[in-house]
């Protein structure tokens, strides 16, 4: 009866961590190669070096993920974003949203919670 609680899940694409890492590096290289075209076609007010640092930051944001299925899911989403940018389905405002994060961390101390009207 104890075996009912354990379920073996199938991987999305990768069978081990090395293969998942290879896919992540492939996505990073694809974005890195397309940086000059991102700057040129989307006419963003950033230079290539700033775009390189932002893409690196976006990848490092998920560097601590170790679950292979989650890595595969993030790679799939990354390739979808890459295709949208490459085919120019993503507009200039979508690319510029990388520099304007809308997520704000929740306040943890009493004074900031009080000012924002929480708790």
PDB file of N, CA and C in Angstrom:
ATOM      1  N   UNK A   1       0.812  -1.196   0.000  1.00  0.00           N
ATOM      2  CA  UNK A   1       0.000   0.000   0.000  1.00  0.00           C
ATOM      3  C   UNK A   1       0.857   1.263   0.000  1.00  0.00           C
ATOM      4  N   UNK A   2       2.096   1.138   0.484  1.00  0.00           N
ATOM      5  CA  UNK A   2       2.983   2.297   0.515  1.00  0.00           C
ATOM      6  C   UNK A   2       3.416   2.708  -0.882  1.00  0.00           C
ATOM      7  N   UNK A   3       3.413   1.794  -1.821  1.00  0.00           N
ATOM      8  CA  UNK A   3       3.851   2.119  -3.173  1.00  0.00           C
ATOM      9  C   UNK A   3       2.833   2.975  -3.928  1.00  0.00           C
ATOM     10  N   UNK A   4       1.616   3.059  -3.427  1.00  0.00           N
ATOM     11  CA  UNK A   4       0.597   3.870  -4.079  1.00  0.00           C
ATOM     12  C   UNK A   4       0.959   5.345  -3.980  1.00  0.00           C
ATOM     13  N   UNK A   5       1.581   5.749  -2.884  1.00  0.00           N
ATOM     14  CA  UNK A   5       1.943   7.153  -2.685  1.00  0.00           C
ATOM     15  C   UNK A   5       3.089   7.602  -3.565  1.00  0.00           C
ATOM     16  N   UNK A   6       3.914   6.689  -4.020  1.00  0.00           N
ATOM     17  CA  UNK A   6       5.040   7.028  -4.878  1.00  0.00           C
ATOM     18  C   UNK A   6       4.620   6.877  -6.329  1.00  0.00           C
ATOM     19  N   UNK A   7       4.793   7.945  -7.076  1.00  0.00           N
ATOM     20  CA  UNK A   7       4.418   7.908  -8.480  1.00  0.00           C
ATOM     21  C   UNK A   7       5.622   8.307  -9.317  1.00  0.00           C
ATOM     22  N   UNK A   8       5.926   7.542 -10.311  1.00  0.00           N
ATOM     23  CA  UNK A   8       7.024   7.854 -11.208  1.00  0.00           C
ATOM     24  C   UNK A   8       6.453   8.686 -12.344  1.00  0.00           C
ATOM     25  N   UNK A   9       7.037   9.879 -12.538  1.00  0.00           N
ATOM     26  CA  UNK A   9       6.549  10.774 -13.580  1.00  0.00           C
ATOM     27  C   UNK A   9       7.497  10.716 -14.776  1.00  0.00           C
ATOM     28  N   UNK A  10       6.939  10.869 -15.931  1.00  0.00           N
ATOM     29  CA  UNK A  10       7.726  10.875 -17.148  1.00  0.00           C
ATOM     30  C   UNK A  10       8.333  12.255 -17.362  1.00  0.00           C
ATOM     31  N   UNK A  11       9.540  12.324 -17.874  1.00  0.00           N
ATOM     32  CA  UNK A  11      10.143  13.631 -18.161  1.00  0.00           C
ATOM     33  C   UNK A  11       9.469  14.274 -19.372  1.00  0.00           C
ATOM     34  N   UNK A  12       9.500  15.600 -19.428  1.00  0.00           N
ATOM     35  CA  UNK A  12       8.932  16.303 -20.562  1.00  0.00           C
ATOM     36  C   UNK A  12       9.792  16.098 -21.809  1.00  0.00           C
ATOM     37  N   UNK A  13      11.077  16.445 -21.725  1.00  0.00           N
ATOM     38  CA  UNK A  13      11.973  16.277 -22.862  1.00  0.00           C
ATOM     39  C   UNK A  13      13.271  15.593 -22.454  1.00  0.00           C
ATOM     40  N   UNK A  14      13.863  16.025 -21.359  1.00  0.00           N
ATOM     41  CA  UNK A  14      15.179  15.548 -20.951  1.00  0.00           C
ATOM     42  C   UNK A  14      15.057  14.329 -20.046  1.00  0.00           C
ATOM     43  N   UNK A  15      16.017  13.432 -20.183  1.00  0.00           N
ATOM     44  CA  UNK A  15      16.011  12.243 -19.334  1.00  0.00           C
ATOM     45  C   UNK A  15      16.917  12.396 -18.124  1.00  0.00           C
ATOM     46  N   UNK A  16      17.904  13.298 -18.205  1.00  0.00           N
ATOM     47  CA  UNK A  16      18.776  13.536 -17.061  1.00  0.00           C
ATOM     48  C   UNK A  16      19.164  15.012 -17.021  1.00  0.00           C
ATOM     49  N   UNK A  17      19.899  15.363 -15.970  1.00  0.00           N
ATOM     50  CA  UNK A  17      20.246  16.766 -15.750  1.00  0.00           C
ATOM     51  C   UNK A  17      21.184  17.291 -16.838  1.00  0.00           C
ATOM     52  N   UNK A  18      22.096  16.462 -17.318  1.00  0.00           N
ATOM     53  CA  UNK A  18      23.042  16.904 -18.347  1.00  0.00           C
ATOM     54  C   UNK A  18      22.322  17.280 -19.637  1.00  0.00           C
ATOM     55  N   UNK A  19      21.331  16.497 -20.004  1.00  0.00           N
ATOM     56  CA  UNK A  19      20.565  16.801 -21.213  1.00  0.00           C
ATOM     57  C   UNK A  19      19.758  18.084 -21.034  1.00  0.00           C
ATOM     58  N   UNK A  20      19.179  18.271 -19.866  1.00  0.00           N
ATOM     59  CA  UNK A  20      18.435  19.503 -19.593  1.00  0.00           C
ATOM     60  C   UNK A  20      19.368  20.705 -19.637  1.00  0.00           C
ATOM     61  N   UNK A  21      20.570  20.553 -19.074  1.00  0.00           N
ATOM     62  CA  UNK A  21      21.552  21.638 -19.092  1.00  0.00           C
ATOM     63  C   UNK A  21      21.956  21.978 -20.527  1.00  0.00           C
ATOM     64  N   UNK A  22      22.097  20.951 -21.360  1.00  0.00           N
ATOM     65  CA  UNK A  22      22.424  21.175 -22.764  1.00  0.00           C
ATOM     66  C   UNK A  22      21.335  21.980 -23.459  1.00  0.00           C
ATOM     67  N   UNK A  23      20.081  21.694 -23.133  1.00  0.00           N
ATOM     68  CA  UNK A  23      18.971  22.450 -23.736  1.00  0.00           C
ATOM     69  C   UNK A  23      18.975  23.901 -23.269  1.00  0.00           C
ATOM     70  N   UNK A  24      19.287  24.123 -22.014  1.00  0.00           N
ATOM     71  CA  UNK A  24      19.362  25.498 -21.486  1.00  0.00           C
ATOM     72  C   UNK A  24      20.467  26.273 -22.191  1.00  0.00           C
ATOM     73  N   UNK A  25      21.619  25.652 -22.349  1.00  0.00           N
ATOM     74  CA  UNK A  25      22.736  26.309 -23.039  1.00  0.00           C
ATOM     75  C   UNK A  25      22.376  26.594 -24.495  1.00  0.00           C
ATOM     76  N   UNK A  26      21.649  25.687 -25.135  1.00  0.00           N
ATOM     77  CA  UNK A  26      21.203  25.925 -26.512  1.00  0.00           C
ATOM     78  C   UNK A  26      20.271  27.115 -26.614  1.00  0.00           C
ATOM     79  N   UNK A  27      19.359  27.232 -25.656  1.00  0.00           N
ATOM     80  CA  UNK A  27      18.455  28.387 -25.639  1.00  0.00           C
ATOM     81  C   UNK A  27      19.232  29.675 -25.405  1.00  0.00           C
ATOM     82  N   UNK A  28      20.193  29.629 -24.477  1.00  0.00           N
ATOM     83  CA  UNK A  28      20.999  30.818 -24.179  1.00  0.00           C
ATOM     84  C   UNK A  28      21.788  31.245 -25.412  1.00  0.00           C
ATOM     85  N   UNK A  29      22.365  30.283 -26.119  1.00  0.00           N
ATOM     86  CA  UNK A  29      23.123  30.608 -27.330  1.00  0.00           C
ATOM     87  C   UNK A  29      22.225  31.180 -28.416  1.00  0.00           C
ATOM     88  N   UNK A  30      21.010  30.643 -28.541  1.00  0.00           N
ATOM     89  CA  UNK A  30      20.076  31.165 -29.548  1.00  0.00           C
ATOM     90  C   UNK A  30      19.732  32.621 -29.251  1.00  0.00           C
ATOM     91  N   UNK A  31      19.437  32.925 -27.992  1.00  0.00           N
ATOM     92  CA  UNK A  31      19.160  34.314 -27.621  1.00  0.00           C
ATOM     93  C   UNK A  31      20.391  35.186 -27.849  1.00  0.00           C
ATOM     94  N   UNK A  32      21.558  34.671 -27.472  1.00  0.00           N
ATOM     95  CA  UNK A  32      22.788  35.445 -27.565  1.00  0.00           C
ATOM     96  C   UNK A  32      23.114  35.787 -29.013  1.00  0.00           C
ATOM     97  N   UNK A  33      22.880  34.840 -29.928  1.00  0.00           N
ATOM     98  CA  UNK A  33      23.126  35.089 -31.350  1.00  0.00           C
ATOM     99  C   UNK A  33      22.142  36.108 -31.917  1.00  0.00           C
ATOM    100  N   UNK A  34      20.957  36.168 -31.354  1.00  0.00           N
ATOM    101  CA  UNK A  34      19.912  37.031 -31.918  1.00  0.00           C
ATOM    102  C   UNK A  34      19.925  38.433 -31.314  1.00  0.00           C
ATOM    103  N   UNK A  35      20.821  38.715 -30.384  1.00  0.00           N
ATOM    104  CA  UNK A  35      20.849  40.020 -29.722  1.00  0.00           C
ATOM    105  C   UNK A  35      20.986  41.188 -30.700  1.00  0.00           C
ATOM    106  N   UNK A  36      21.893  41.150 -31.686  1.00  0.00           N
ATOM    107  CA  UNK A  36      21.964  42.300 -32.616  1.00  0.00           C
ATOM    108  C   UNK A  36      20.645  42.559 -33.347  1.00  0.00           C
ATOM    109  N   UNK A  37      19.922  41.499 -33.663  1.00  0.00           N
ATOM    110  CA  UNK A  37      18.651  41.664 -34.363  1.00  0.00           C
ATOM    111  C   UNK A  37      17.556  42.185 -33.434  1.00  0.00           C
ATOM    112  N   UNK A  38      17.629  41.815 -32.168  1.00  0.00           N
ATOM    113  CA  UNK A  38      16.668  42.355 -31.194  1.00  0.00           C
ATOM    114  C   UNK A  38      16.820  43.861 -31.116  1.00  0.00           C
ATOM    115  N   UNK A  39      18.066  44.322 -31.034  1.00  0.00           N
ATOM    116  CA  UNK A  39      18.322  45.763 -30.937  1.00  0.00           C
ATOM    117  C   UNK A  39      17.908  46.466 -32.225  1.00  0.00           C
ATOM    118  N   UNK A  40      18.196  45.835 -33.371  1.00  0.00           N
ATOM    119  CA  UNK A  40      17.931  46.473 -34.660  1.00  0.00           C
ATOM    120  C   UNK A  40      16.445  46.463 -35.021  1.00  0.00           C
ATOM    121  N   UNK A  41      15.818  45.300 -34.974  1.00  0.00           N
ATOM    122  CA  UNK A  41      14.446  45.177 -35.466  1.00  0.00           C
ATOM    123  C   UNK A  41      13.418  45.759 -34.505  1.00  0.00           C
ATOM    124  N   UNK A  42      13.660  45.636 -33.216  1.00  0.00           N
ATOM    125  CA  UNK A  42      12.687  46.142 -32.256  1.00  0.00           C
ATOM    126  C   UNK A  42      12.949  47.596 -31.878  1.00  0.00           C
ATOM    127  N   UNK A  43      14.058  48.142 -32.345  1.00  0.00           N
ATOM    128  CA  UNK A  43      14.396  49.551 -32.156  1.00  0.00           C
ATOM    129  C   UNK A  43      14.281  49.962 -30.683  1.00  0.00           C
ATOM    130  N   UNK A  44      14.920  49.196 -29.820  1.00  0.00           N
ATOM    131  CA  UNK A  44      14.876  49.505 -28.390  1.00  0.00           C
ATOM    132  C   UNK A  44      16.017  50.456 -28.046  1.00  0.00           C
ATOM    133  N   UNK A  45      15.830  51.320 -27.057  1.00  0.00           N
ATOM    134  CA  UNK A  45      16.876  52.290 -26.695  1.00  0.00           C
ATOM    135  C   UNK A  45      17.957  51.686 -25.799  1.00  0.00           C
ATOM    136  N   UNK A  46      18.374  50.493 -26.093  1.00  0.00           N
ATOM    137  CA  UNK A  46      19.431  49.803 -25.347  1.00  0.00           C
ATOM    138  C   UNK A  46      20.472  49.332 -26.349  1.00  0.00           C
ATOM    139  N   UNK A  47      21.717  49.242 -25.886  1.00  0.00           N
ATOM    140  CA  UNK A  47      22.745  48.703 -26.769  1.00  0.00           C
ATOM    141  C   UNK A  47      22.872  47.203 -26.567  1.00  0.00           C
ATOM    142  N   UNK A  48      23.713  46.573 -27.363  1.00  0.00           N
ATOM    143  CA  UNK A  48      23.827  45.118 -27.324  1.00  0.00           C
ATOM    144  C   UNK A  48      24.353  44.624 -25.977  1.00  0.00           C
ATOM    145  N   UNK A  49      25.251  45.375 -25.378  1.00  0.00           N
ATOM    146  CA  UNK A  49      25.812  44.952 -24.089  1.00  0.00           C
ATOM    147  C   UNK A  49      24.742  44.942 -22.995  1.00  0.00           C
ATOM    148  N   UNK A  50      23.862  45.934 -22.999  1.00  0.00           N
ATOM    149  CA  UNK A  50      22.781  45.964 -22.006  1.00  0.00           C
ATOM    150  C   UNK A  50      21.815  44.800 -22.201  1.00  0.00           C
ATOM    151  N   UNK A  51      21.554  44.439 -23.453  1.00  0.00           N
ATOM    152  CA  UNK A  51      20.667  43.306 -23.731  1.00  0.00           C
ATOM    153  C   UNK A  51      21.339  42.003 -23.294  1.00  0.00           C
ATOM    154  N   UNK A  52      22.652  41.887 -23.511  1.00  0.00           N
ATOM    155  CA  UNK A  52      23.383  40.694 -23.050  1.00  0.00           C
ATOM    156  C   UNK A  52      23.262  40.538 -21.540  1.00  0.00           C
ATOM    157  N   UNK A  53      23.455  41.631 -20.810  1.00  0.00           N
ATOM    158  CA  UNK A  53      23.374  41.562 -19.347  1.00  0.00           C
ATOM    159  C   UNK A  53      21.969  41.217 -18.887  1.00  0.00           C
ATOM    160  N   UNK A  54      20.965  41.718 -19.581  1.00  0.00           N
ATOM    161  CA  UNK A  54      19.582  41.428 -19.183  1.00  0.00           C
ATOM    162  C   UNK A  54      19.234  39.970 -19.444  1.00  0.00           C
ATOM    163  N   UNK A  55      19.655  39.438 -20.581  1.00  0.00           N
ATOM    164  CA  UNK A  55      19.388  38.024 -20.866  1.00  0.00           C
ATOM    165  C   UNK A  55      20.119  37.144 -19.863  1.00  0.00           C
ATOM    166  N   UNK A  56      21.353  37.508 -19.536  1.00  0.00           N
ATOM    167  CA  UNK A  56      22.102  36.760 -18.529  1.00  0.00           C
ATOM    168  C   UNK A  56      21.385  36.813 -17.188  1.00  0.00           C
ATOM    169  N   UNK A  57      20.856  37.970 -16.831  1.00  0.00           N
ATOM    170  CA  UNK A  57      20.111  38.108 -15.573  1.00  0.00           C
ATOM    171  C   UNK A  57      18.849  37.250 -15.577  1.00  0.00           C
ATOM    172  N   UNK A  58      18.153  37.206 -16.692  1.00  0.00           N
ATOM    173  CA  UNK A  58      16.945  36.395 -16.781  1.00  0.00           C
ATOM    174  C   UNK A  58      17.258  34.904 -16.640  1.00  0.00           C
ATOM    175  N   UNK A  59      18.400  34.480 -17.176  1.00  0.00           N
ATOM    176  CA  UNK A  59      18.777  33.076 -17.032  1.00  0.00           C
ATOM    177  C   UNK A  59      19.240  32.777 -15.612  1.00  0.00           C
ATOM    178  N   UNK A  60      19.996  33.693 -15.009  1.00  0.00           N
ATOM    179  CA  UNK A  60      20.466  33.470 -13.642  1.00  0.00           C
ATOM    180  C   UNK A  60      19.337  33.488 -12.624  1.00  0.00           C
ATOM    181  N   UNK A  61      18.224  34.083 -12.975  1.00  0.00           N
ATOM    182  CA  UNK A  61      17.081  34.110 -12.072  1.00  0.00           C
ATOM    183  C   UNK A  61      16.594  32.693 -11.751  1.00  0.00           C
ATOM    184  N   UNK A  62      16.753  31.783 -12.700  1.00  0.00           N
ATOM    185  CA  UNK A  62      16.309  30.404 -12.513  1.00  0.00           C
ATOM    186  C   UNK A  62      17.477  29.434 -12.365  1.00  0.00           C
ATOM    187  N   UNK A  63      18.630  29.921 -11.967  1.00  0.00           N
ATOM    188  CA  UNK A  63      19.819  29.076 -11.863  1.00  0.00           C
ATOM    189  C   UNK A  63      19.716  28.045 -10.744  1.00  0.00           C
ATOM    190  N   UNK A  64      18.898  28.294  -9.751  1.00  0.00           N
ATOM    191  CA  UNK A  64      18.812  27.385  -8.609  1.00  0.00           C
ATOM    192  C   UNK A  64      17.811  26.248  -8.841  1.00  0.00           C
ATOM    193  N   UNK A  65      17.138  26.220  -9.969  1.00  0.00           N
ATOM    194  CA  UNK A  65      16.163  25.177 -10.253  1.00  0.00           C
ATOM    195  C   UNK A  65      16.903  23.876 -10.559  1.00  0.00           C
ATOM    196  N   UNK A  66      16.531  22.797  -9.869  1.00  0.00           N
ATOM    197  CA  UNK A  66      17.203  21.511 -10.072  1.00  0.00           C
ATOM    198  C   UNK A  66      16.266  20.429 -10.593  1.00  0.00           C
ATOM    199  N   UNK A  67      14.958  20.625 -10.528  1.00  0.00           N
ATOM    200  CA  UNK A  67      14.014  19.631 -11.015  1.00  0.00           C
ATOM    201  C   UNK A  67      14.027  19.618 -12.542  1.00  0.00           C
ATOM    202  N   UNK A  68      14.253  18.459 -13.114  1.00  0.00           N
ATOM    203  CA  UNK A  68      14.405  18.339 -14.564  1.00  0.00           C
ATOM    204  C   UNK A  68      13.128  18.735 -15.295  1.00  0.00           C
ATOM    205  N   UNK A  69      11.984  18.379 -14.748  1.00  0.00           N
ATOM    206  CA  UNK A  69      10.719  18.723 -15.411  1.00  0.00           C
ATOM    207  C   UNK A  69      10.499  20.235 -15.418  1.00  0.00           C
ATOM    208  N   UNK A  70      10.871  20.901 -14.335  1.00  0.00           N
ATOM    209  CA  UNK A  70      10.729  22.358 -14.271  1.00  0.00           C
ATOM    210  C   UNK A  70      11.700  23.020 -15.243  1.00  0.00           C
ATOM    211  N   UNK A  71      12.922  22.500 -15.321  1.00  0.00           N
ATOM    212  CA  UNK A  71      13.899  23.032 -16.268  1.00  0.00           C
ATOM    213  C   UNK A  71      13.376  22.883 -17.694  1.00  0.00           C
ATOM    214  N   UNK A  72      12.836  21.722 -18.018  1.00  0.00           N
ATOM    215  CA  UNK A  72      12.278  21.509 -19.351  1.00  0.00           C
ATOM    216  C   UNK A  72      11.133  22.476 -19.640  1.00  0.00           C
ATOM    217  N   UNK A  73      10.283  22.684 -18.666  1.00  0.00           N
ATOM    218  CA  UNK A  73       9.168  23.615 -18.847  1.00  0.00           C
ATOM    219  C   UNK A  73       9.669  25.037 -19.072  1.00  0.00           C
ATOM    220  N   UNK A  74      10.680  25.459 -18.315  1.00  0.00           N
ATOM    221  CA  UNK A  74      11.244  26.791 -18.505  1.00  0.00           C
ATOM    222  C   UNK A  74      11.923  26.920 -19.862  1.00  0.00           C
ATOM    223  N   UNK A  75      12.566  25.856 -20.323  1.00  0.00           N
ATOM    224  CA  UNK A  75      13.202  25.886 -21.647  1.00  0.00           C
ATOM    225  C   UNK A  75      12.136  25.989 -22.735  1.00  0.00           C
ATOM    226  N   UNK A  76      11.050  25.259 -22.594  1.00  0.00           N
ATOM    227  CA  UNK A  76       9.961  25.343 -23.572  1.00  0.00           C
ATOM    228  C   UNK A  76       9.400  26.767 -23.624  1.00  0.00           C
ATOM    229  N   UNK A  77       9.166  27.352 -22.455  1.00  0.00           N
ATOM    230  CA  UNK A  77       8.668  28.730 -22.419  1.00  0.00           C
ATOM    231  C   UNK A  77       9.689  29.701 -23.004  1.00  0.00           C
ATOM    232  N   UNK A  78      10.968  29.448 -22.735  1.00  0.00           N
ATOM    233  CA  UNK A  78      12.020  30.300 -23.282  1.00  0.00           C
ATOM    234  C   UNK A  78      12.072  30.248 -24.795  1.00  0.00           C
ATOM    235  N   UNK A  79      11.938  29.040 -25.353  1.00  0.00           N
ATOM    236  CA  UNK A  79      11.923  28.928 -26.810  1.00  0.00           C
ATOM    237  C   UNK A  79      10.674  29.572 -27.407  1.00  0.00           C
ATOM    238  N   UNK A  80       9.567  29.536 -26.683  1.00  0.00           N
ATOM    239  CA  UNK A  80       8.371  30.229 -27.160  1.00  0.00           C
ATOM    240  C   UNK A  80       8.611  31.737 -27.197  1.00  0.00           C
ATOM    241  N   UNK A  81       9.238  32.275 -26.143  1.00  0.00           N
ATOM    242  CA  UNK A  81       9.570  33.704 -26.130  1.00  0.00           C
ATOM    243  C   UNK A  81      10.545  34.051 -27.254  1.00  0.00           C
ATOM    244  N   UNK A  82      11.518  33.173 -27.457  1.00  0.00           N
ATOM    245  CA  UNK A  82      12.500  33.393 -28.526  1.00  0.00           C
ATOM    246  C   UNK A  82      11.821  33.436 -29.897  1.00  0.00           C
ATOM    247  N   UNK A  83      10.922  32.509 -30.145  1.00  0.00           N
ATOM    248  CA  UNK A  83      10.216  32.487 -31.429  1.00  0.00           C
ATOM    249  C   UNK A  83       9.345  33.728 -31.601  1.00  0.00           C
ATOM    250  N   UNK A  84       8.704  34.178 -30.519  1.00  0.00           N
ATOM    251  CA  UNK A  84       7.877  35.379 -30.607  1.00  0.00           C
ATOM    252  C   UNK A  84       8.727  36.598 -30.930  1.00  0.00           C
ATOM    253  N   UNK A  85       9.899  36.681 -30.332  1.00  0.00           N
ATOM    254  CA  UNK A  85      10.788  37.812 -30.615  1.00  0.00           C
ATOM    255  C   UNK A  85      11.351  37.689 -32.028  1.00  0.00           C
ATOM    256  N   UNK A  86      11.750  36.490 -32.407  1.00  0.00           N
ATOM    257  CA  UNK A  86      12.356  36.261 -33.718  1.00  0.00           C
ATOM    258  C   UNK A  86      11.374  36.541 -34.848  1.00  0.00           C
ATOM    259  N   UNK A  87      10.137  36.116 -34.688  1.00  0.00           N
ATOM    260  CA  UNK A  87       9.130  36.342 -35.728  1.00  0.00           C
ATOM    261  C   UNK A  87       8.448  37.693 -35.602  1.00  0.00           C
ATOM    262  N   UNK A  88       8.909  38.496 -34.669  1.00  0.00           N
ATOM    263  CA  UNK A  88       8.399  39.844 -34.397  1.00  0.00           C
ATOM    264  C   UNK A  88       6.923  39.842 -34.034  1.00  0.00           C
ATOM    265  N   UNK A  89       6.496  38.793 -33.357  1.00  0.00           N
ATOM    266  CA  UNK A  89       5.154  38.794 -32.788  1.00  0.00           C
ATOM    267  C   UNK A  89       5.173  39.563 -31.477  1.00  0.00           C
ATOM    268  N   UNK A  90       6.302  39.562 -30.798  1.00  0.00           N
ATOM    269  CA  UNK A  90       6.464  40.375 -29.599  1.00  0.00           C
ATOM    270  C   UNK A  90       6.871  41.773 -30.042  1.00  0.00           C
ATOM    271  N   UNK A  91       6.157  42.756 -29.559  1.00  0.00           N
ATOM    272  CA  UNK A  91       6.419  44.127 -29.969  1.00  0.00           C
ATOM    273  C   UNK A  91       7.511  44.741 -29.095  1.00  0.00           C
ATOM    274  N   UNK A  92       7.841  45.982 -29.394  1.00  0.00           N
ATOM    275  CA  UNK A  92       8.889  46.695 -28.669  1.00  0.00           C
ATOM    276  C   UNK A  92       8.566  46.780 -27.177  1.00  0.00           C
ATOM    277  N   UNK A  93       7.293  46.983 -26.849  1.00  0.00           N
ATOM    278  CA  UNK A  93       6.912  47.117 -25.441  1.00  0.00           C
ATOM    279  C   UNK A  93       7.115  45.801 -24.678  1.00  0.00           C
ATOM    280  N   UNK A  94       6.977  44.664 -25.355  1.00  0.00           N
ATOM    281  CA  UNK A  94       7.192  43.380 -24.696  1.00  0.00           C
ATOM    282  C   UNK A  94       8.669  43.176 -24.374  1.00  0.00           C
ATOM    283  N   UNK A  95       9.533  43.588 -25.282  1.00  0.00           N
ATOM    284  CA  UNK A  95      10.971  43.464 -25.030  1.00  0.00           C
ATOM    285  C   UNK A  95      11.400  44.458 -23.955  1.00  0.00           C
ATOM    286  N   UNK A  96      10.875  45.653 -23.997  1.00  0.00           N
ATOM    287  CA  UNK A  96      11.248  46.667 -23.005  1.00  0.00           C
ATOM    288  C   UNK A  96      10.709  46.339 -21.622  1.00  0.00           C
ATOM    289  N   UNK A  97       9.732  45.450 -21.542  1.00  0.00           N
ATOM    290  CA  UNK A  97       9.205  45.048 -20.231  1.00  0.00           C
ATOM    291  C   UNK A  97      10.247  44.291 -19.417  1.00  0.00           C
ATOM    292  N   UNK A  98      11.299  43.794 -20.067  1.00  0.00           N
ATOM    293  CA  UNK A  98      12.380  43.139 -19.320  1.00  0.00           C
ATOM    294  C   UNK A  98      13.046  44.120 -18.365  1.00  0.00           C
ATOM    295  N   UNK A  99      13.094  45.390 -18.730  1.00  0.00           N
ATOM    296  CA  UNK A  99      13.764  46.387 -17.891  1.00  0.00           C
ATOM    297  C   UNK A  99      12.824  47.075 -16.918  1.00  0.00           C
ATOM    298  N   UNK A 100      11.543  46.849 -17.044  1.00  0.00           N
ATOM    299  CA  UNK A 100      10.563  47.448 -16.135  1.00  0.00           C
ATOM    300  C   UNK A 100       9.785  46.349 -15.428  1.00  0.00           C
ATOM    301  N   UNK A 101      10.377  45.728 -14.434  1.00  0.00           N
ATOM    302  CA  UNK A 101       9.638  44.648 -13.769  1.00  0.00           C
ATOM    303  C   UNK A 101       8.435  45.192 -13.012  1.00  0.00           C
ATOM    304  N   UNK A 102       7.314  44.511 -13.138  1.00  0.00           N
ATOM    305  CA  UNK A 102       6.109  44.948 -12.452  1.00  0.00           C
ATOM    306  C   UNK A 102       5.947  44.255 -11.115  1.00  0.00           C
ATOM    307  N   UNK A 103       6.745  43.226 -10.861  1.00  0.00           N
ATOM    308  CA  UNK A 103       6.655  42.499  -9.611  1.00  0.00           C
ATOM    309  C   UNK A 103       7.394  43.260  -8.533  1.00  0.00           C
ATOM    310  N   UNK A 104       6.721  43.536  -7.454  1.00  0.00           N
ATOM    311  CA  UNK A 104       7.342  44.200  -6.315  1.00  0.00           C
ATOM    312  C   UNK A 104       7.289  43.250  -5.127  1.00  0.00           C
ATOM    313  N   UNK A 105       8.395  43.081  -4.431  1.00  0.00           N
ATOM    314  CA  UNK A 105       8.376  42.175  -3.277  1.00  0.00           C
ATOM    315  C   UNK A 105       7.464  42.711  -2.185  1.00  0.00           C
ATOM    316  N   UNK A 106       6.818  41.790  -1.491  1.00  0.00           N
ATOM    317  CA  UNK A 106       5.935  42.191  -0.406  1.00  0.00           C
ATOM    318  C   UNK A 106       6.758  42.719   0.751  1.00  0.00           C
ATOM    319  N   UNK A 107       6.269  43.735   1.426  1.00  0.00           N
ATOM    320  CA  UNK A 107       7.019  44.266   2.573  1.00  0.00           C
ATOM    321  C   UNK A 107       7.043  43.250   3.713  1.00  0.00           C
ATOM    322  N   UNK A 108       8.164  43.221   4.416  1.00  0.00           N
ATOM    323  CA  UNK A 108       8.318  42.260   5.493  1.00  0.00           C
ATOM    324  C   UNK A 108       8.344  42.917   6.868  1.00  0.00           C
ATOM    325  N   UNK A 109       8.687  44.190   6.939  1.00  0.00           N
ATOM    326  CA  UNK A 109       8.719  44.828   8.251  1.00  0.00           C
ATOM    327  C   UNK A 109       7.408  45.556   8.521  1.00  0.00           C
ATOM    328  N   UNK A 110       7.174  45.867   9.773  1.00  0.00           N
ATOM    329  CA  UNK A 110       5.893  46.418  10.204  1.00  0.00           C
ATOM    330  C   UNK A 110       5.596  47.762   9.553  1.00  0.00           C
ATOM    331  N   UNK A 111       6.575  48.644   9.502  1.00  0.00           N
ATOM    332  CA  UNK A 111       6.340  50.002   9.019  1.00  0.00           C
ATOM    333  C   UNK A 111       5.928  50.010   7.541  1.00  0.00           C
ATOM    334  N   UNK A 112       6.614  49.241   6.707  1.00  0.00           N
ATOM    335  CA  UNK A 112       6.244  49.196   5.283  1.00  0.00           C
ATOM    336  C   UNK A 112       4.890  48.527   5.074  1.00  0.00           C
ATOM    337  N   UNK A 113       4.572  47.514   5.867  1.00  0.00           N
ATOM    338  CA  UNK A 113       3.243  46.904   5.789  1.00  0.00           C
ATOM    339  C   UNK A 113       2.174  47.914   6.165  1.00  0.00           C
ATOM    340  N   UNK A 114       2.432  48.692   7.199  1.00  0.00           N
ATOM    341  CA  UNK A 114       1.478  49.701   7.656  1.00  0.00           C
ATOM    342  C   UNK A 114       1.262  50.764   6.601  1.00  0.00           C
ATOM    343  N   UNK A 115       2.342  51.206   5.958  1.00  0.00           N
ATOM    344  CA  UNK A 115       2.247  52.251   4.936  1.00  0.00           C
ATOM    345  C   UNK A 115       1.450  51.766   3.732  1.00  0.00           C
ATOM    346  N   UNK A 116       1.636  50.504   3.341  1.00  0.00           N
ATOM    347  CA  UNK A 116       0.908  49.973   2.196  1.00  0.00           C
ATOM    348  C   UNK A 116      -0.471  49.453   2.551  1.00  0.00           C
ATOM    349  N   UNK A 117      -0.839  49.494   3.805  1.00  0.00           N
ATOM    350  CA  UNK A 117      -2.173  49.087   4.238  1.00  0.00           C
ATOM    351  C   UNK A 117      -2.365  47.596   4.344  1.00  0.00           C
ATOM    352  N   UNK A 118      -1.299  46.841   4.560  1.00  0.00           N
ATOM    353  CA  UNK A 118      -1.397  45.405   4.720  1.00  0.00           C
ATOM    354  C   UNK A 118      -1.377  45.057   6.196  1.00  0.00           C
ATOM    355  N   UNK A 119      -2.045  43.977   6.564  1.00  0.00           N
ATOM    356  CA  UNK A 119      -2.123  43.492   7.953  1.00  0.00           C
ATOM    357  C   UNK A 119      -2.570  44.583   8.883  1.00  0.00           C
TER     358      UNK A 119
END
